[in-house]
Amino acid sequence: MTSKGFRRIALGMDGAVEGSHMSHPDFRAANGKIFATLTEDETRGMASLTPDEQAEFMKRAPATFVPAAGAWGRQGSTMIVLAKADEEMVGEAVTLAWKRISAGPAARAKGASSKSTPRKASPRGGRKRPS
């Protein structure tokens, strides 16, 4: 499979758009969240699966589906070696990723803070260090 085929599958999802994230192509659902990416050299794709879905694909095609590095991989981000990939299986993985991500809330606007309200200072002025 080629990056062109991966891109065709990802952009075939309803409302999907291609963007760029950290110098590589990404594919976002209508809610603005990433469900798939391509590496910068476009030799591997990524599908944002659940850990259980990831385990199933790795069992079916261990040379094709591998966890992404670190915490991302433990959370289900699954790298796809395109040169070894079967287009039908990639379509299945990308569709699962798109369905899961599409069902979630919209992405936060850029620059939005995760803090909902600023914290107030303690009325006692905080703790003093022992002398």
C-alpha atoms as a PDB file:
ATOM      1  CA  MET A   1       0.000   0.000   0.000  1.00  0.00           C
ATOM      2  CA  THR A   2       1.162   3.557  -0.676  1.00  0.00           C
ATOM      3  CA  SER A   3       0.713   6.835   1.167  1.00  0.00           C
ATOM      4  CA  LYS A   4      -1.600   7.869  -1.669  1.00  0.00           C
ATOM      5  CA  GLY A   5      -3.865   4.893  -0.866  1.00  0.00           C
ATOM      6  CA  PHE A   6      -3.773   5.677   2.864  1.00  0.00           C
ATOM      7  CA  ARG A   7      -4.657   9.298   2.136  1.00  0.00           C
ATOM      8  CA  ARG A   8      -7.551   8.195  -0.118  1.00  0.00           C
ATOM      9  CA  ILE A   9      -8.955   5.966   2.643  1.00  0.00           C
ATOM     10  CA  ALA A  10      -8.638   8.652   5.329  1.00  0.00           C
ATOM     11  CA  LEU A  11     -10.152  11.390   3.182  1.00  0.00           C
ATOM     12  CA  GLY A  12     -12.977   9.023   2.208  1.00  0.00           C
ATOM     13  CA  MET A  13     -14.403   9.299   5.724  1.00  0.00           C
ATOM     14  CA  ASP A  14     -17.393  11.640   5.995  1.00  0.00           C
ATOM     15  CA  GLY A  15     -16.257  15.168   6.886  1.00  0.00           C
ATOM     16  CA  ALA A  16     -12.539  14.246   6.997  1.00  0.00           C
ATOM     17  CA  VAL A  17      -9.970  16.879   6.084  1.00  0.00           C
ATOM     18  CA  GLU A  18      -6.200  16.786   5.710  1.00  0.00           C
ATOM     19  CA  GLY A  19      -4.053  19.163   7.684  1.00  0.00           C
ATOM     20  CA  SER A  20      -0.537  19.272   9.038  1.00  0.00           C
ATOM     21  CA  HIS A  21       0.646  18.613  12.570  1.00  0.00           C
ATOM     22  CA  MET A  22       4.272  18.820  13.703  1.00  0.00           C
ATOM     23  CA  SER A  23       5.592  18.659  10.111  1.00  0.00           C
ATOM     24  CA  HIS A  24       3.547  15.678   8.966  1.00  0.00           C
ATOM     25  CA  PRO A  25       0.097  15.149   7.405  1.00  0.00           C
ATOM     26  CA  ASP A  26      -2.848  14.531   9.694  1.00  0.00           C
ATOM     27  CA  PHE A  27      -6.453  13.612   9.042  1.00  0.00           C
ATOM     28  CA  ARG A  28      -9.178  15.158  11.160  1.00  0.00           C
ATOM     29  CA  ALA A  29     -12.805  14.260  11.663  1.00  0.00           C
ATOM     30  CA  ALA A  30     -15.512  16.915  11.311  1.00  0.00           C
ATOM     31  CA  ASN A  31     -15.115  17.699  15.040  1.00  0.00           C
ATOM     32  CA  GLY A  32     -11.516  18.813  14.400  1.00  0.00           C
ATOM     33  CA  LYS A  33      -9.827  15.888  16.164  1.00  0.00           C
ATOM     34  CA  ILE A  34      -7.078  13.764  14.595  1.00  0.00           C
ATOM     35  CA  PHE A  35      -8.002  10.158  13.794  1.00  0.00           C
ATOM     36  CA  ALA A  36      -5.070   9.260  11.496  1.00  0.00           C
ATOM     37  CA  THR A  37      -1.698  10.602  10.396  1.00  0.00           C
ATOM     38  CA  LEU A  38       1.161   9.881   8.026  1.00  0.00           C
ATOM     39  CA  THR A  39       4.795  10.093   9.059  1.00  0.00           C
ATOM     40  CA  GLU A  40       6.838  12.900   7.540  1.00  0.00           C
ATOM     41  CA  ASP A  41       8.446  10.491   5.048  1.00  0.00           C
ATOM     42  CA  GLU A  42       5.001   8.926   4.381  1.00  0.00           C
ATOM     43  CA  THR A  43       6.226   5.343   4.860  1.00  0.00           C
ATOM     44  CA  ARG A  44       3.951   4.713   7.839  1.00  0.00           C
ATOM     45  CA  GLY A  45       0.470   5.730   8.801  1.00  0.00           C
ATOM     46  CA  MET A  46      -1.157   5.925  12.222  1.00  0.00           C
ATOM     47  CA  ALA A  47      -4.700   5.092  13.267  1.00  0.00           C
ATOM     48  CA  SER A  48      -6.018   6.202  16.633  1.00  0.00           C
ATOM     49  CA  LEU A  49      -7.475   2.919  17.889  1.00  0.00           C
ATOM     50  CA  THR A  50      -8.460   1.667  21.321  1.00  0.00           C
ATOM     51  CA  PRO A  51      -5.920  -0.608  23.039  1.00  0.00           C
ATOM     52  CA  ASP A  52      -8.226  -3.609  22.404  1.00  0.00           C
ATOM     53  CA  GLU A  53      -8.576  -2.769  18.699  1.00  0.00           C
ATOM     54  CA  GLN A  54      -4.804  -2.285  18.491  1.00  0.00           C
ATOM     55  CA  ALA A  55      -4.208  -5.716  20.034  1.00  0.00           C
ATOM     56  CA  GLU A  56      -6.570  -7.344  17.526  1.00  0.00           C
ATOM     57  CA  PHE A  57      -4.854  -5.762  14.494  1.00  0.00           C
ATOM     58  CA  MET A  58      -1.412  -6.649  15.874  1.00  0.00           C
ATOM     59  CA  LYS A  59      -2.559 -10.240  16.288  1.00  0.00           C
ATOM     60  CA  ARG A  60      -3.895 -10.391  12.724  1.00  0.00           C
ATOM     61  CA  ALA A  61      -0.912  -8.660  11.051  1.00  0.00           C
ATOM     62  CA  PRO A  62       2.044  -8.227  13.432  1.00  0.00           C
ATOM     63  CA  ALA A  63       4.461  -7.047  10.729  1.00  0.00           C
ATOM     64  CA  THR A  64       2.042  -4.295   9.681  1.00  0.00           C
ATOM     65  CA  PHE A  65       0.473  -2.953  12.898  1.00  0.00           C
ATOM     66  CA  VAL A  66       2.739  -1.854  15.761  1.00  0.00           C
ATOM     67  CA  PRO A  67       2.093   0.409  18.759  1.00  0.00           C
ATOM     68  CA  ALA A  68       3.357   3.965  18.548  1.00  0.00           C
ATOM     69  CA  ALA A  69       6.140   4.808  20.982  1.00  0.00           C
ATOM     70  CA  GLY A  70       5.472   5.445  24.658  1.00  0.00           C
ATOM     71  CA  ALA A  71       2.167   6.426  26.204  1.00  0.00           C
ATOM     72  CA  TRP A  72       0.586   7.123  22.809  1.00  0.00           C
ATOM     73  CA  GLY A  73       1.064   3.492  21.846  1.00  0.00           C
ATOM     74  CA  ARG A  74      -0.210   2.196  25.192  1.00  0.00           C
ATOM     75  CA  GLN A  75      -3.360   4.282  24.636  1.00  0.00           C
ATOM     76  CA  GLY A  76      -3.994   2.704  21.214  1.00  0.00           C
ATOM     77  CA  SER A  77      -2.144   4.851  18.685  1.00  0.00           C
ATOM     78  CA  THR A  78      -1.151   2.257  16.125  1.00  0.00           C
ATOM     79  CA  MET A  79       1.541   2.644  13.486  1.00  0.00           C
ATOM     80  CA  ILE A  80       0.909   0.998  10.120  1.00  0.00           C
ATOM     81  CA  VAL A  81       3.873  -0.071   7.969  1.00  0.00           C
ATOM     82  CA  LEU A  82       2.443   0.838   4.562  1.00  0.00           C
ATOM     83  CA  ALA A  83       4.824  -1.318   2.490  1.00  0.00           C
ATOM     84  CA  LYS A  84       3.495  -4.417   4.285  1.00  0.00           C
ATOM     85  CA  ALA A  85      -0.121  -3.301   4.604  1.00  0.00           C
ATOM     86  CA  ASP A  86      -3.246  -4.840   3.137  1.00  0.00           C
ATOM     87  CA  GLU A  87      -5.531  -2.049   1.926  1.00  0.00           C
ATOM     88  CA  GLU A  88      -8.672  -3.704   3.263  1.00  0.00           C
ATOM     89  CA  MET A  89      -7.237  -4.040   6.778  1.00  0.00           C
ATOM     90  CA  VAL A  90      -5.983  -0.457   6.720  1.00  0.00           C
ATOM     91  CA  GLY A  91      -9.449   0.666   5.651  1.00  0.00           C
ATOM     92  CA  GLU A  92     -10.937  -1.248   8.571  1.00  0.00           C
ATOM     93  CA  ALA A  93      -8.484   0.291  11.067  1.00  0.00           C
ATOM     94  CA  VAL A  94      -8.895   3.848   9.770  1.00  0.00           C
ATOM     95  CA  THR A  95     -12.691   3.483   9.759  1.00  0.00           C
ATOM     96  CA  LEU A  96     -12.672   2.331  13.399  1.00  0.00           C
ATOM     97  CA  ALA A  97     -10.440   5.275  14.338  1.00  0.00           C
ATOM     98  CA  TRP A  98     -12.652   7.753  12.475  1.00  0.00           C
ATOM     99  CA  LYS A  99     -15.849   6.393  14.092  1.00  0.00           C
ATOM    100  CA  ARG A 100     -14.404   6.593  17.598  1.00  0.00           C
ATOM    101  CA  ILE A 101     -12.919  10.063  17.188  1.00  0.00           C
ATOM    102  CA  SER A 102     -16.002  11.401  15.364  1.00  0.00           C
ATOM    103  CA  ALA A 103     -18.222  10.339  18.253  1.00  0.00           C
ATOM    104  CA  GLY A 104     -16.284  12.560  20.675  1.00  0.00           C
ATOM    105  CA  PRO A 105     -16.678  16.249  21.453  1.00  0.00           C
ATOM    106  CA  ALA A 106     -15.231  18.962  19.249  1.00  0.00           C
ATOM    107  CA  ALA A 107     -11.577  19.866  19.619  1.00  0.00           C
ATOM    108  CA  ARG A 108     -10.799  22.903  21.750  1.00  0.00           C
ATOM    109  CA  ALA A 109     -10.022  26.098  19.904  1.00  0.00           C
ATOM    110  CA  LYS A 110      -6.314  26.865  19.616  1.00  0.00           C
ATOM    111  CA  GLY A 111      -5.130  28.929  22.543  1.00  0.00           C
ATOM    112  CA  ALA A 112      -7.955  27.725  24.801  1.00  0.00           C
ATOM    113  CA  SER A 113      -6.800  27.088  28.326  1.00  0.00           C
ATOM    114  CA  SER A 114      -7.524  23.868  30.165  1.00  0.00           C
ATOM    115  CA  LYS A 115      -8.077  25.842  33.367  1.00  0.00           C
ATOM    116  CA  SER A 116     -11.716  26.785  33.784  1.00  0.00           C
ATOM    117  CA  THR A 117     -11.316  29.471  36.465  1.00  0.00           C
ATOM    118  CA  PRO A 118      -8.302  31.178  37.945  1.00  0.00           C
ATOM    119  CA  ARG A 119      -7.327  30.093  41.458  1.00  0.00           C
ATOM    120  CA  LYS A 120      -7.697  32.619  44.246  1.00  0.00           C
ATOM    121  CA  ALA A 121      -5.019  33.255  46.819  1.00  0.00           C
ATOM    122  CA  SER A 122      -5.556  31.791  50.261  1.00  0.00           C
ATOM    123  CA  PRO A 123      -7.104  34.310  52.691  1.00  0.00           C
ATOM    124  CA  ARG A 124      -4.285  33.484  55.135  1.00  0.00           C
ATOM    125  CA  GLY A 125      -1.654  34.441  52.613  1.00  0.00           C
ATOM    126  CA  GLY A 126      -0.296  30.900  52.248  1.00  0.00           C
ATOM    127  CA  ARG A 127       2.098  28.915  54.437  1.00  0.00           C
ATOM    128  CA  LYS A 128       5.281  30.347  55.786  1.00  0.00           C
ATOM    129  CA  ARG A 129       8.545  28.438  55.648  1.00  0.00           C
ATOM    130  CA  PRO A 130       9.997  27.384  58.956  1.00  0.00           C
ATOM    131  CA  SER A 131      13.024  29.451  60.009  1.00  0.00           C
END
